[in-house]
Structures are given as structure tokens and as C-alpha cells.
Amino acid sequence: MTDPDAEPSRLALLRFLERVQQRDLERTRRWIAQEEQRAEAVRDRRADGSPEPEWLIEHGLTGRSPVYVHVGGCWSGGRRSRAVARDQARRALADGIQPCPQCRPDTELGLLE
């Protein structure tokens, strides 16, 4: 029986660290694979000749409420974004949907904050 008050050995601590780092590495590799899939999907969309949308509205995790308005092609748009017309983008900003802080669609649309 091991003493519950005994400190873990250095080897036990190193094995624990190894398991944590292995999980982190696996998670990072999943993220890389997901990003590669996104990049491939963007390349495929551009390769099929369809034009890139001028404006995007990004929806939240539930897909119900819009969270950001983006300039088309914004790297931050993500998969939860859908293409909208210029007037829809302007209306969304006027209705209080936040402009993306990276691509600043409010500036592109000529709206003042």
C-alpha cells in the first residue's frame, strides 16, 4: 500500500506531464486539420468560378442570432457566415449587429460609429 502523504516521484510527475503534452499535441493537430479543411474549402469555392461575396453576416454558435458583419473574404468570418447584399449588411449594422473588428465593414460601408 502506498502512503497517501508521500510526494509523487519525479518519474511519476514526468509521466503525467508527458500525458498532458500528448493530449495538447493531439488537440493542436486536430485544429491544424480543421484549418486545412477550411482553407481547402475556400480554395474550392474560388476554383469553381463563383465570386466571393462582398458582405457576410456571422451567426453565433446556435446559428440563430447574428453576431458580426464582415467584409467578404474576411479571414475571421468562419463557417457560420452567410453572404448578404450591401443593403442587408448596412441594415444589420444599423440594427446593432457588431462590425468585425478586423475587417471593419462599417468603414467600408461608409458608416460612422
PDB file of N, CA and C in Angstrom:
ATOM      1  N   MET A   1       0.851  -1.179   0.000  1.00  0.00           N
ATOM      2  CA  MET A   1       0.000   0.000   0.000  1.00  0.00           C
ATOM      3  C   MET A   1       0.896   1.241   0.000  1.00  0.00           C
ATOM      4  N   THR A   2       0.528   2.237  -0.796  1.00  0.00           N
ATOM      5  CA  THR A   2       1.333   3.453  -0.863  1.00  0.00           C
ATOM      6  C   THR A   2       0.854   4.441   0.176  1.00  0.00           C
ATOM      7  N   ASP A   3       1.781   5.228   0.631  1.00  0.00           N
ATOM      8  CA  ASP A   3       1.479   6.255   1.629  1.00  0.00           C
ATOM      9  C   ASP A   3       0.791   7.437   0.937  1.00  0.00           C
ATOM     10  N   PRO A   4      -0.463   7.800   1.318  1.00  0.00           N
ATOM     11  CA  PRO A   4      -1.158   8.902   0.657  1.00  0.00           C
ATOM     12  C   PRO A   4      -0.476  10.255   0.865  1.00  0.00           C
ATOM     13  N   ASP A   5       0.335  10.370   1.894  1.00  0.00           N
ATOM     14  CA  ASP A   5       1.029  11.627   2.158  1.00  0.00           C
ATOM     15  C   ASP A   5       2.370  11.728   1.438  1.00  0.00           C
ATOM     16  N   ALA A   6       2.801  10.632   0.818  1.00  0.00           N
ATOM     17  CA  ALA A   6       4.087  10.638   0.137  1.00  0.00           C
ATOM     18  C   ALA A   6       3.989  11.486  -1.132  1.00  0.00           C
ATOM     19  N   GLU A   7       5.051  12.213  -1.408  1.00  0.00           N
ATOM     20  CA  GLU A   7       5.093  13.029  -2.617  1.00  0.00           C
ATOM     21  C   GLU A   7       5.275  12.124  -3.826  1.00  0.00           C
ATOM     22  N   PRO A   8       4.667  12.524  -4.960  1.00  0.00           N
ATOM     23  CA  PRO A   8       4.863  11.703  -6.162  1.00  0.00           C
ATOM     24  C   PRO A   8       6.322  11.744  -6.596  1.00  0.00           C
ATOM     25  N   SER A   9       6.755  10.658  -7.187  1.00  0.00           N
ATOM     26  CA  SER A   9       8.149  10.613  -7.625  1.00  0.00           C
ATOM     27  C   SER A   9       8.332  11.522  -8.838  1.00  0.00           C
ATOM     28  N   ARG A  10       9.561  11.881  -9.062  1.00  0.00           N
ATOM     29  CA  ARG A  10       9.887  12.711 -10.226  1.00  0.00           C
ATOM     30  C   ARG A  10       9.469  12.000 -11.510  1.00  0.00           C
ATOM     31  N   LEU A  11       9.675  10.701 -11.579  1.00  0.00           N
ATOM     32  CA  LEU A  11       9.294   9.941 -12.754  1.00  0.00           C
ATOM     33  C   LEU A  11       7.773   9.975 -12.951  1.00  0.00           C
ATOM     34  N   ALA A  12       7.005   9.850 -11.882  1.00  0.00           N
ATOM     35  CA  ALA A  12       5.543   9.911 -11.991  1.00  0.00           C
ATOM     36  C   ALA A  12       5.096  11.281 -12.494  1.00  0.00           C
ATOM     37  N   LEU A  13       5.750  12.318 -12.018  1.00  0.00           N
ATOM     38  CA  LEU A  13       5.416  13.668 -12.470  1.00  0.00           C
ATOM     39  C   LEU A  13       5.741  13.854 -13.955  1.00  0.00           C
ATOM     40  N   LEU A  14       6.873  13.328 -14.383  1.00  0.00           N
ATOM     41  CA  LEU A  14       7.257  13.426 -15.781  1.00  0.00           C
ATOM     42  C   LEU A  14       6.302  12.636 -16.678  1.00  0.00           C
ATOM     43  N   ARG A  15       5.847  11.480 -16.210  1.00  0.00           N
ATOM     44  CA  ARG A  15       4.864  10.701 -16.980  1.00  0.00           C
ATOM     45  C   ARG A  15       3.548  11.469 -17.097  1.00  0.00           C
ATOM     46  N   PHE A  16       3.139  12.118 -16.023  1.00  0.00           N
ATOM     47  CA  PHE A  16       1.927  12.929 -16.058  1.00  0.00           C
ATOM     48  C   PHE A  16       2.083  14.066 -17.066  1.00  0.00           C
ATOM     49  N   LEU A  17       3.219  14.753 -17.013  1.00  0.00           N
ATOM     50  CA  LEU A  17       3.491  15.828 -17.960  1.00  0.00           C
ATOM     51  C   LEU A  17       3.458  15.313 -19.393  1.00  0.00           C
ATOM     52  N   GLU A  18       4.010  14.155 -19.626  1.00  0.00           N
ATOM     53  CA  GLU A  18       4.007  13.562 -20.960  1.00  0.00           C
ATOM     54  C   GLU A  18       2.574  13.344 -21.456  1.00  0.00           C
ATOM     55  N   ARG A  19       1.691  12.829 -20.598  1.00  0.00           N
ATOM     56  CA  ARG A  19       0.293  12.596 -20.990  1.00  0.00           C
ATOM     57  C   ARG A  19      -0.412  13.918 -21.326  1.00  0.00           C
ATOM     58  N   VAL A  20      -0.168  14.939 -20.519  1.00  0.00           N
ATOM     59  CA  VAL A  20      -0.775  16.246 -20.767  1.00  0.00           C
ATOM     60  C   VAL A  20      -0.283  16.804 -22.097  1.00  0.00           C
ATOM     61  N   GLN A  21       0.993  16.737 -22.346  1.00  0.00           N
ATOM     62  CA  GLN A  21       1.545  17.259 -23.594  1.00  0.00           C
ATOM     63  C   GLN A  21       1.066  16.461 -24.800  1.00  0.00           C
ATOM     64  N   GLN A  22       0.900  15.154 -24.633  1.00  0.00           N
ATOM     65  CA  GLN A  22       0.384  14.329 -25.732  1.00  0.00           C
ATOM     66  C   GLN A  22      -1.033  14.757 -26.084  1.00  0.00           C
ATOM     67  N   ARG A  23      -1.879  15.000 -25.091  1.00  0.00           N
ATOM     68  CA  ARG A  23      -3.243  15.469 -25.352  1.00  0.00           C
ATOM     69  C   ARG A  23      -3.224  16.832 -26.030  1.00  0.00           C
ATOM     70  N   ASP A  24      -2.341  17.720 -25.567  1.00  0.00           N
ATOM     71  CA  ASP A  24      -2.221  19.044 -26.195  1.00  0.00           C
ATOM     72  C   ASP A  24      -1.791  18.922 -27.652  1.00  0.00           C
ATOM     73  N   LEU A  25      -0.836  18.050 -27.928  1.00  0.00           N
ATOM     74  CA  LEU A  25      -0.359  17.858 -29.288  1.00  0.00           C
ATOM     75  C   LEU A  25      -1.468  17.297 -30.179  1.00  0.00           C
ATOM     76  N   GLU A  26      -2.214  16.336 -29.675  1.00  0.00           N
ATOM     77  CA  GLU A  26      -3.332  15.765 -30.445  1.00  0.00           C
ATOM     78  C   GLU A  26      -4.381  16.832 -30.740  1.00  0.00           C
ATOM     79  N   ARG A  27      -4.689  17.663 -29.755  1.00  0.00           N
ATOM     80  CA  ARG A  27      -5.663  18.737 -29.952  1.00  0.00           C
ATOM     81  C   ARG A  27      -5.152  19.730 -30.999  1.00  0.00           C
ATOM     82  N   THR A  28      -3.887  20.102 -30.927  1.00  0.00           N
ATOM     83  CA  THR A  28      -3.303  21.024 -31.890  1.00  0.00           C
ATOM     84  C   THR A  28      -3.341  20.431 -33.293  1.00  0.00           C
ATOM     85  N   ARG A  29      -3.070  19.154 -33.416  1.00  0.00           N
ATOM     86  CA  ARG A  29      -3.129  18.506 -34.732  1.00  0.00           C
ATOM     87  C   ARG A  29      -4.559  18.495 -35.274  1.00  0.00           C
ATOM     88  N   ARG A  30      -5.553  18.324 -34.407  1.00  0.00           N
ATOM     89  CA  ARG A  30      -6.954  18.398 -34.853  1.00  0.00           C
ATOM     90  C   ARG A  30      -7.267  19.802 -35.358  1.00  0.00           C
ATOM     91  N   TRP A  31      -6.804  20.814 -34.632  1.00  0.00           N
ATOM     92  CA  TRP A  31      -7.022  22.200 -35.051  1.00  0.00           C
ATOM     93  C   TRP A  31      -6.373  22.463 -36.411  1.00  0.00           C
ATOM     94  N   ILE A  32      -5.181  21.961 -36.589  1.00  0.00           N
ATOM     95  CA  ILE A  32      -4.478  22.136 -37.864  1.00  0.00           C
ATOM     96  C   ILE A  32      -5.270  21.465 -38.983  1.00  0.00           C
ATOM     97  N   ALA A  33      -5.745  20.256 -38.751  1.00  0.00           N
ATOM     98  CA  ALA A  33      -6.525  19.540 -39.774  1.00  0.00           C
ATOM     99  C   ALA A  33      -7.799  20.307 -40.111  1.00  0.00           C
ATOM    100  N   GLN A  34      -8.475  20.855 -39.104  1.00  0.00           N
ATOM    101  CA  GLN A  34      -9.689  21.634 -39.347  1.00  0.00           C
ATOM    102  C   GLN A  34      -9.380  22.881 -40.163  1.00  0.00           C
ATOM    103  N   GLU A  35      -8.294  23.555 -39.836  1.00  0.00           N
ATOM    104  CA  GLU A  35      -7.922  24.769 -40.564  1.00  0.00           C
ATOM    105  C   GLU A  35      -7.539  24.438 -42.004  1.00  0.00           C
ATOM    106  N   GLU A  36      -6.861  23.310 -42.199  1.00  0.00           N
ATOM    107  CA  GLU A  36      -6.528  22.887 -43.554  1.00  0.00           C
ATOM    108  C   GLU A  36      -7.796  22.597 -44.357  1.00  0.00           C
ATOM    109  N   GLN A  37      -8.801  21.996 -43.720  1.00  0.00           N
ATOM    110  CA  GLN A  37     -10.074  21.733 -44.405  1.00  0.00           C
ATOM    111  C   GLN A  37     -10.764  23.038 -44.780  1.00  0.00           C
ATOM    112  N   ARG A  38     -10.754  24.015 -43.860  1.00  0.00           N
ATOM    113  CA  ARG A  38     -11.355  25.321 -44.163  1.00  0.00           C
ATOM    114  C   ARG A  38     -10.654  25.988 -45.342  1.00  0.00           C
ATOM    115  N   ALA A  39      -9.328  25.960 -45.314  1.00  0.00           N
ATOM    116  CA  ALA A  39      -8.563  26.582 -46.392  1.00  0.00           C
ATOM    117  C   ALA A  39      -8.833  25.885 -47.723  1.00  0.00           C
ATOM    118  N   GLU A  40      -8.956  24.567 -47.693  1.00  0.00           N
ATOM    119  CA  GLU A  40      -9.260  23.828 -48.912  1.00  0.00           C
ATOM    120  C   GLU A  40     -10.653  24.173 -49.422  1.00  0.00           C
ATOM    121  N   ALA A  41     -11.609  24.325 -48.526  1.00  0.00           N
ATOM    122  CA  ALA A  41     -12.969  24.693 -48.933  1.00  0.00           C
ATOM    123  C   ALA A  41     -12.979  26.073 -49.582  1.00  0.00           C
ATOM    124  N   VAL A  42     -12.197  27.002 -49.042  1.00  0.00           N
ATOM    125  CA  VAL A  42     -12.105  28.342 -49.632  1.00  0.00           C
ATOM    126  C   VAL A  42     -11.480  28.252 -51.018  1.00  0.00           C
ATOM    127  N   ARG A  43     -10.422  27.472 -51.154  1.00  0.00           N
ATOM    128  CA  ARG A  43      -9.782  27.301 -52.470  1.00  0.00           C
ATOM    129  C   ARG A  43     -10.759  26.687 -53.459  1.00  0.00           C
ATOM    130  N   ASP A  44     -11.531  25.690 -53.016  1.00  0.00           N
ATOM    131  CA  ASP A  44     -12.509  25.042 -53.893  1.00  0.00           C
ATOM    132  C   ASP A  44     -13.578  26.026 -54.335  1.00  0.00           C
ATOM    133  N   ARG A  45     -14.055  26.871 -53.417  1.00  0.00           N
ATOM    134  CA  ARG A  45     -15.078  27.860 -53.778  1.00  0.00           C
ATOM    135  C   ARG A  45     -14.539  28.822 -54.819  1.00  0.00           C
ATOM    136  N   ARG A  46     -13.306  29.237 -54.642  1.00  0.00           N
ATOM    137  CA  ARG A  46     -12.710  30.182 -55.594  1.00  0.00           C
ATOM    138  C   ARG A  46     -12.420  29.498 -56.928  1.00  0.00           C
ATOM    139  N   ALA A  47     -12.088  28.226 -56.896  1.00  0.00           N
ATOM    140  CA  ALA A  47     -11.750  27.497 -58.111  1.00  0.00           C
ATOM    141  C   ALA A  47     -12.980  27.230 -58.972  1.00  0.00           C
ATOM    142  N   ASP A  48     -14.168  27.182 -58.353  1.00  0.00           N
ATOM    143  CA  ASP A  48     -15.362  26.880 -59.144  1.00  0.00           C
ATOM    144  C   ASP A  48     -15.883  28.092 -59.905  1.00  0.00           C
ATOM    145  N   GLY A  49     -15.211  29.232 -59.771  1.00  0.00           N
ATOM    146  CA  GLY A  49     -15.574  30.415 -60.532  1.00  0.00           C
ATOM    147  C   GLY A  49     -16.626  31.286 -59.886  1.00  0.00           C
ATOM    148  N   SER A  50     -17.183  30.840 -58.774  1.00  0.00           N
ATOM    149  CA  SER A  50     -18.196  31.672 -58.127  1.00  0.00           C
ATOM    150  C   SER A  50     -17.506  32.857 -57.454  1.00  0.00           C
ATOM    151  N   PRO A  51     -18.091  34.017 -57.575  1.00  0.00           N
ATOM    152  CA  PRO A  51     -17.458  35.193 -56.987  1.00  0.00           C
ATOM    153  C   PRO A  51     -17.524  35.161 -55.462  1.00  0.00           C
ATOM    154  N   GLU A  52     -16.548  35.757 -54.862  1.00  0.00           N
ATOM    155  CA  GLU A  52     -16.539  35.863 -53.407  1.00  0.00           C
ATOM    156  C   GLU A  52     -17.588  36.891 -52.996  1.00  0.00           C
ATOM    157  N   PRO A  53     -18.367  36.613 -51.952  1.00  0.00           N
ATOM    158  CA  PRO A  53     -19.388  37.581 -51.549  1.00  0.00           C
ATOM    159  C   PRO A  53     -18.748  38.883 -51.069  1.00  0.00           C
ATOM    160  N   GLU A  54     -19.456  39.980 -51.253  1.00  0.00           N
ATOM    161  CA  GLU A  54     -18.924  41.269 -50.802  1.00  0.00           C
ATOM    162  C   GLU A  54     -19.124  41.474 -49.308  1.00  0.00           C
ATOM    163  N   TRP A  55     -20.190  40.906 -48.755  1.00  0.00           N
ATOM    164  CA  TRP A  55     -20.537  41.110 -47.348  1.00  0.00           C
ATOM    165  C   TRP A  55     -20.983  39.800 -46.730  1.00  0.00           C
ATOM    166  N   LEU A  56     -20.680  39.627 -45.453  1.00  0.00           N
ATOM    167  CA  LEU A  56     -21.048  38.417 -44.726  1.00  0.00           C
ATOM    168  C   LEU A  56     -21.683  38.798 -43.396  1.00  0.00           C
ATOM    169  N   ILE A  57     -22.610  37.958 -42.948  1.00  0.00           N
ATOM    170  CA  ILE A  57     -23.120  38.077 -41.584  1.00  0.00           C
ATOM    171  C   ILE A  57     -22.796  36.763 -40.889  1.00  0.00           C
ATOM    172  N   GLU A  58     -22.072  36.870 -39.775  1.00  0.00           N
ATOM    173  CA  GLU A  58     -21.679  35.704 -38.995  1.00  0.00           C
ATOM    174  C   GLU A  58     -22.704  35.486 -37.889  1.00  0.00           C
ATOM    175  N   HIS A  59     -23.140  34.251 -37.755  1.00  0.00           N
ATOM    176  CA  HIS A  59     -24.106  33.908 -36.717  1.00  0.00           C
ATOM    177  C   HIS A  59     -23.385  33.253 -35.544  1.00  0.00           C
ATOM    178  N   GLY A  60     -24.012  33.307 -34.369  1.00  0.00           N
ATOM    179  CA  GLY A  60     -23.445  32.725 -33.161  1.00  0.00           C
ATOM    180  C   GLY A  60     -23.411  31.211 -33.217  1.00  0.00           C
ATOM    181  N   LEU A  61     -22.968  30.607 -32.142  1.00  0.00           N
ATOM    182  CA  LEU A  61     -22.814  29.157 -32.086  1.00  0.00           C
ATOM    183  C   LEU A  61     -24.128  28.426 -32.322  1.00  0.00           C
ATOM    184  N   THR A  62     -25.236  28.992 -31.878  1.00  0.00           N
ATOM    185  CA  THR A  62     -26.532  28.335 -32.076  1.00  0.00           C
ATOM    186  C   THR A  62     -27.033  28.540 -33.498  1.00  0.00           C
ATOM    187  N   GLY A  63     -26.457  29.482 -34.229  1.00  0.00           N
ATOM    188  CA  GLY A  63     -26.860  29.753 -35.594  1.00  0.00           C
ATOM    189  C   GLY A  63     -28.067  30.654 -35.710  1.00  0.00           C
ATOM    190  N   ARG A  64     -28.586  31.101 -34.601  1.00  0.00           N
ATOM    191  CA  ARG A  64     -29.814  31.892 -34.622  1.00  0.00           C
ATOM    192  C   ARG A  64     -29.557  33.387 -34.720  1.00  0.00           C
ATOM    193  N   SER A  65     -28.766  33.902 -33.827  1.00  0.00           N
ATOM    194  CA  SER A  65     -28.605  35.357 -33.790  1.00  0.00           C
ATOM    195  C   SER A  65     -27.291  35.778 -34.450  1.00  0.00           C
ATOM    196  N   PRO A  66     -27.358  36.834 -35.270  1.00  0.00           N
ATOM    197  CA  PRO A  66     -26.135  37.341 -35.891  1.00  0.00           C
ATOM    198  C   PRO A  66     -25.242  38.020 -34.856  1.00  0.00           C
ATOM    199  N   VAL A  67     -23.951  37.832 -35.005  1.00  0.00           N
ATOM    200  CA  VAL A  67     -23.020  38.440 -34.056  1.00  0.00           C
ATOM    201  C   VAL A  67     -22.085  39.460 -34.696  1.00  0.00           C
ATOM    202  N   TYR A  68     -21.731  39.267 -35.972  1.00  0.00           N
ATOM    203  CA  TYR A  68     -20.819  40.192 -36.641  1.00  0.00           C
ATOM    204  C   TYR A  68     -21.212  40.366 -38.101  1.00  0.00           C
ATOM    205  N   VAL A  69     -20.900  41.543 -38.614  1.00  0.00           N
ATOM    206  CA  VAL A  69     -20.960  41.812 -40.046  1.00  0.00           C
ATOM    207  C   VAL A  69     -19.511  41.873 -40.515  1.00  0.00           C
ATOM    208  N   HIS A  70     -19.224  41.226 -41.652  1.00  0.00           N
ATOM    209  CA  HIS A  70     -17.868  41.166 -42.194  1.00  0.00           C
ATOM    210  C   HIS A  70     -17.848  41.653 -43.639  1.00  0.00           C
ATOM    211  N   VAL A  71     -16.701  42.143 -44.057  1.00  0.00           N
ATOM    212  CA  VAL A  71     -16.435  42.357 -45.470  1.00  0.00           C
ATOM    213  C   VAL A  71     -16.184  40.966 -46.051  1.00  0.00           C
ATOM    214  N   GLY A  72     -16.696  40.696 -47.256  1.00  0.00           N
ATOM    215  CA  GLY A  72     -16.479  39.390 -47.878  1.00  0.00           C
ATOM    216  C   GLY A  72     -15.007  39.049 -47.945  1.00  0.00           C
ATOM    217  N   GLY A  73     -14.681  37.804 -47.667  1.00  0.00           N
ATOM    218  CA  GLY A  73     -13.293  37.371 -47.690  1.00  0.00           C
ATOM    219  C   GLY A  73     -12.551  37.598 -46.394  1.00  0.00           C
ATOM    220  N   CYS A  74     -13.217  38.137 -45.378  1.00  0.00           N
ATOM    221  CA  CYS A  74     -12.557  38.358 -44.090  1.00  0.00           C
ATOM    222  C   CYS A  74     -12.125  37.012 -43.512  1.00  0.00           C
ATOM    223  N   TRP A  75     -10.902  36.923 -43.071  1.00  0.00           N
ATOM    224  CA  TRP A  75     -10.377  35.678 -42.515  1.00  0.00           C
ATOM    225  C   TRP A  75     -11.099  35.273 -41.237  1.00  0.00           C
ATOM    226  N   SER A  76     -11.751  36.227 -40.595  1.00  0.00           N
ATOM    227  CA  SER A  76     -12.400  35.955 -39.319  1.00  0.00           C
ATOM    228  C   SER A  76     -13.848  35.504 -39.480  1.00  0.00           C
ATOM    229  N   GLY A  77     -14.364  35.515 -40.709  1.00  0.00           N
ATOM    230  CA  GLY A  77     -15.768  35.191 -40.951  1.00  0.00           C
ATOM    231  C   GLY A  77     -16.177  33.801 -40.517  1.00  0.00           C
ATOM    232  N   GLY A  78     -15.421  32.814 -40.858  1.00  0.00           N
ATOM    233  CA  GLY A  78     -15.696  31.455 -40.423  1.00  0.00           C
ATOM    234  C   GLY A  78     -16.855  30.782 -41.141  1.00  0.00           C
ATOM    235  N   ARG A  79     -17.148  29.556 -40.695  1.00  0.00           N
ATOM    236  CA  ARG A  79     -18.164  28.737 -41.349  1.00  0.00           C
ATOM    237  C   ARG A  79     -19.587  29.158 -41.011  1.00  0.00           C
ATOM    238  N   ARG A  80     -19.770  29.921 -39.968  1.00  0.00           N
ATOM    239  CA  ARG A  80     -21.121  30.324 -39.574  1.00  0.00           C
ATOM    240  C   ARG A  80     -21.545  31.618 -40.258  1.00  0.00           C
ATOM    241  N   SER A  81     -20.863  31.990 -41.317  1.00  0.00           N
ATOM    242  CA  SER A  81     -21.172  33.223 -42.036  1.00  0.00           C
ATOM    243  C   SER A  81     -21.948  32.917 -43.303  1.00  0.00           C
ATOM    244  N   ARG A  82     -22.815  33.844 -43.679  1.00  0.00           N
ATOM    245  CA  ARG A  82     -23.542  33.703 -44.943  1.00  0.00           C
ATOM    246  C   ARG A  82     -23.444  35.016 -45.703  1.00  0.00           C
ATOM    247  N   ALA A  83     -23.479  34.906 -47.014  1.00  0.00           N
ATOM    248  CA  ALA A  83     -23.368  36.074 -47.885  1.00  0.00           C
ATOM    249  C   ALA A  83     -24.654  36.894 -47.814  1.00  0.00           C
ATOM    250  N   VAL A  84     -24.498  38.204 -47.813  1.00  0.00           N
ATOM    251  CA  VAL A  84     -25.643  39.117 -47.835  1.00  0.00           C
ATOM    252  C   VAL A  84     -25.338  40.258 -48.802  1.00  0.00           C
ATOM    253  N   ALA A  85     -26.398  40.933 -49.200  1.00  0.00           N
ATOM    254  CA  ALA A  85     -26.251  42.097 -50.074  1.00  0.00           C
ATOM    255  C   ALA A  85     -25.776  43.294 -49.255  1.00  0.00           C
ATOM    256  N   ARG A  86     -25.288  44.294 -49.955  1.00  0.00           N
ATOM    257  CA  ARG A  86     -24.794  45.517 -49.308  1.00  0.00           C
ATOM    258  C   ARG A  86     -25.853  46.141 -48.397  1.00  0.00           C
ATOM    259  N   ASP A  87     -27.089  46.242 -48.878  1.00  0.00           N
ATOM    260  CA  ASP A  87     -28.153  46.842 -48.075  1.00  0.00           C
ATOM    261  C   ASP A  87     -28.428  46.044 -46.811  1.00  0.00           C
ATOM    262  N   GLN A  88     -28.356  44.713 -46.906  1.00  0.00           N
ATOM    263  CA  GLN A  88     -28.564  43.878 -45.721  1.00  0.00           C
ATOM    264  C   GLN A  88     -27.447  44.092 -44.702  1.00  0.00           C
ATOM    265  N   ALA A  89     -26.226  44.233 -45.187  1.00  0.00           N
ATOM    266  CA  ALA A  89     -25.095  44.476 -44.280  1.00  0.00           C
ATOM    267  C   ALA A  89     -25.268  45.824 -43.581  1.00  0.00           C
ATOM    268  N   ARG A  90     -25.660  46.849 -44.335  1.00  0.00           N
ATOM    269  CA  ARG A  90     -25.887  48.185 -43.748  1.00  0.00           C
ATOM    270  C   ARG A  90     -27.011  48.138 -42.718  1.00  0.00           C
ATOM    271  N   ARG A  91     -28.090  47.433 -43.052  1.00  0.00           N
ATOM    272  CA  ARG A  91     -29.234  47.321 -42.155  1.00  0.00           C
ATOM    273  C   ARG A  91     -28.839  46.586 -40.866  1.00  0.00           C
ATOM    274  N   ALA A  92     -28.053  45.527 -41.008  1.00  0.00           N
ATOM    275  CA  ALA A  92     -27.618  44.767 -39.832  1.00  0.00           C
ATOM    276  C   ALA A  92     -26.789  45.648 -38.900  1.00  0.00           C
ATOM    277  N   LEU A  93     -25.884  46.437 -39.464  1.00  0.00           N
ATOM    278  CA  LEU A  93     -25.080  47.347 -38.638  1.00  0.00           C
ATOM    279  C   LEU A  93     -25.966  48.396 -37.976  1.00  0.00           C
ATOM    280  N   ALA A  94     -26.948  48.924 -38.725  1.00  0.00           N
ATOM    281  CA  ALA A  94     -27.860  49.923 -38.169  1.00  0.00           C
ATOM    282  C   ALA A  94     -28.726  49.318 -37.061  1.00  0.00           C
ATOM    283  N   ASP A  95     -28.998  48.013 -37.162  1.00  0.00           N
ATOM    284  CA  ASP A  95     -29.808  47.326 -36.147  1.00  0.00           C
ATOM    285  C   ASP A  95     -28.997  46.905 -34.928  1.00  0.00           C
ATOM    286  N   GLY A  96     -27.706  47.226 -34.917  1.00  0.00           N
ATOM    287  CA  GLY A  96     -26.891  46.957 -33.739  1.00  0.00           C
ATOM    288  C   GLY A  96     -26.002  45.735 -33.802  1.00  0.00           C
ATOM    289  N   ILE A  97     -25.968  45.049 -34.946  1.00  0.00           N
ATOM    290  CA  ILE A  97     -25.034  43.932 -35.082  1.00  0.00           C
ATOM    291  C   ILE A  97     -23.632  44.520 -35.141  1.00  0.00           C
ATOM    292  N   GLN A  98     -22.711  43.934 -34.401  1.00  0.00           N
ATOM    293  CA  GLN A  98     -21.359  44.479 -34.288  1.00  0.00           C
ATOM    294  C   GLN A  98     -20.577  44.327 -35.591  1.00  0.00           C
ATOM    295  N   PRO A  99     -19.793  45.346 -35.956  1.00  0.00           N
ATOM    296  CA  PRO A  99     -18.884  45.188 -37.094  1.00  0.00           C
ATOM    297  C   PRO A  99     -17.671  44.364 -36.668  1.00  0.00           C
ATOM    298  N   CYS A 100     -17.170  43.564 -37.559  1.00  0.00           N
ATOM    299  CA  CYS A 100     -15.969  42.785 -37.267  1.00  0.00           C
ATOM    300  C   CYS A 100     -14.829  43.753 -36.953  1.00  0.00           C
ATOM    301  N   PRO A 101     -14.120  43.536 -35.840  1.00  0.00           N
ATOM    302  CA  PRO A 101     -13.025  44.450 -35.500  1.00  0.00           C
ATOM    303  C   PRO A 101     -11.806  44.292 -36.403  1.00  0.00           C
ATOM    304  N   GLN A 102     -11.725  43.196 -37.191  1.00  0.00           N
ATOM    305  CA  GLN A 102     -10.576  43.002 -38.069  1.00  0.00           C
ATOM    306  C   GLN A 102     -10.783  43.665 -39.436  1.00  0.00           C
ATOM    307  N   CYS A 103     -11.949  43.422 -40.065  1.00  0.00           N
ATOM    308  CA  CYS A 103     -12.136  43.918 -41.434  1.00  0.00           C
ATOM    309  C   CYS A 103     -12.896  45.245 -41.496  1.00  0.00           C
ATOM    310  N   ARG A 104     -13.485  45.662 -40.402  1.00  0.00           N
ATOM    311  CA  ARG A 104     -14.172  46.962 -40.268  1.00  0.00           C
ATOM    312  C   ARG A 104     -15.164  47.251 -41.409  1.00  0.00           C
ATOM    313  N   PRO A 105     -16.249  46.467 -41.515  1.00  0.00           N
ATOM    314  CA  PRO A 105     -17.209  46.692 -42.587  1.00  0.00           C
ATOM    315  C   PRO A 105     -17.928  48.037 -42.462  1.00  0.00           C
ATOM    316  N   ASP A 106     -18.049  48.554 -41.251  1.00  0.00           N
ATOM    317  CA  ASP A 106     -18.686  49.851 -41.069  1.00  0.00           C
ATOM    318  C   ASP A 106     -17.913  50.950 -41.796  1.00  0.00           C
ATOM    319  N   THR A 107     -16.605  50.846 -41.784  1.00  0.00           N
ATOM    320  CA  THR A 107     -15.762  51.802 -42.506  1.00  0.00           C
ATOM    321  C   THR A 107     -15.913  51.614 -44.009  1.00  0.00           C
ATOM    322  N   GLU A 108     -15.902  50.348 -44.447  1.00  0.00           N
ATOM    323  CA  GLU A 108     -16.056  50.050 -45.881  1.00  0.00           C
ATOM    324  C   GLU A 108     -17.405  50.525 -46.415  1.00  0.00           C
ATOM    325  N   LEU A 109     -18.437  50.453 -45.566  1.00  0.00           N
ATOM    326  CA  LEU A 109     -19.771  50.866 -45.988  1.00  0.00           C
ATOM    327  C   LEU A 109     -19.997  52.363 -45.816  1.00  0.00           C
ATOM    328  N   GLY A 110     -19.030  53.056 -45.249  1.00  0.00           N
ATOM    329  CA  GLY A 110     -19.146  54.497 -45.089  1.00  0.00           C
ATOM    330  C   GLY A 110     -20.037  54.903 -43.923  1.00  0.00           C
ATOM    331  N   LEU A 111     -20.181  54.016 -42.934  1.00  0.00           N
ATOM    332  CA  LEU A 111     -20.995  54.343 -41.767  1.00  0.00           C
ATOM    333  C   LEU A 111     -20.117  54.887 -40.648  1.00  0.00           C
ATOM    334  N   LEU A 112     -20.628  55.833 -39.915  1.00  0.00           N
ATOM    335  CA  LEU A 112     -19.888  56.375 -38.774  1.00  0.00           C
ATOM    336  C   LEU A 112     -20.335  55.661 -37.524  1.00  0.00           C
ATOM    337  N   GLU A 113     -19.412  55.468 -36.594  1.00  0.00           N
ATOM    338  CA  GLU A 113     -19.745  54.812 -35.319  1.00  0.00           C
ATOM    339  C   GLU A 113     -20.431  55.776 -34.394  1.00  0.00           C
TER     340      GLU A 113
END
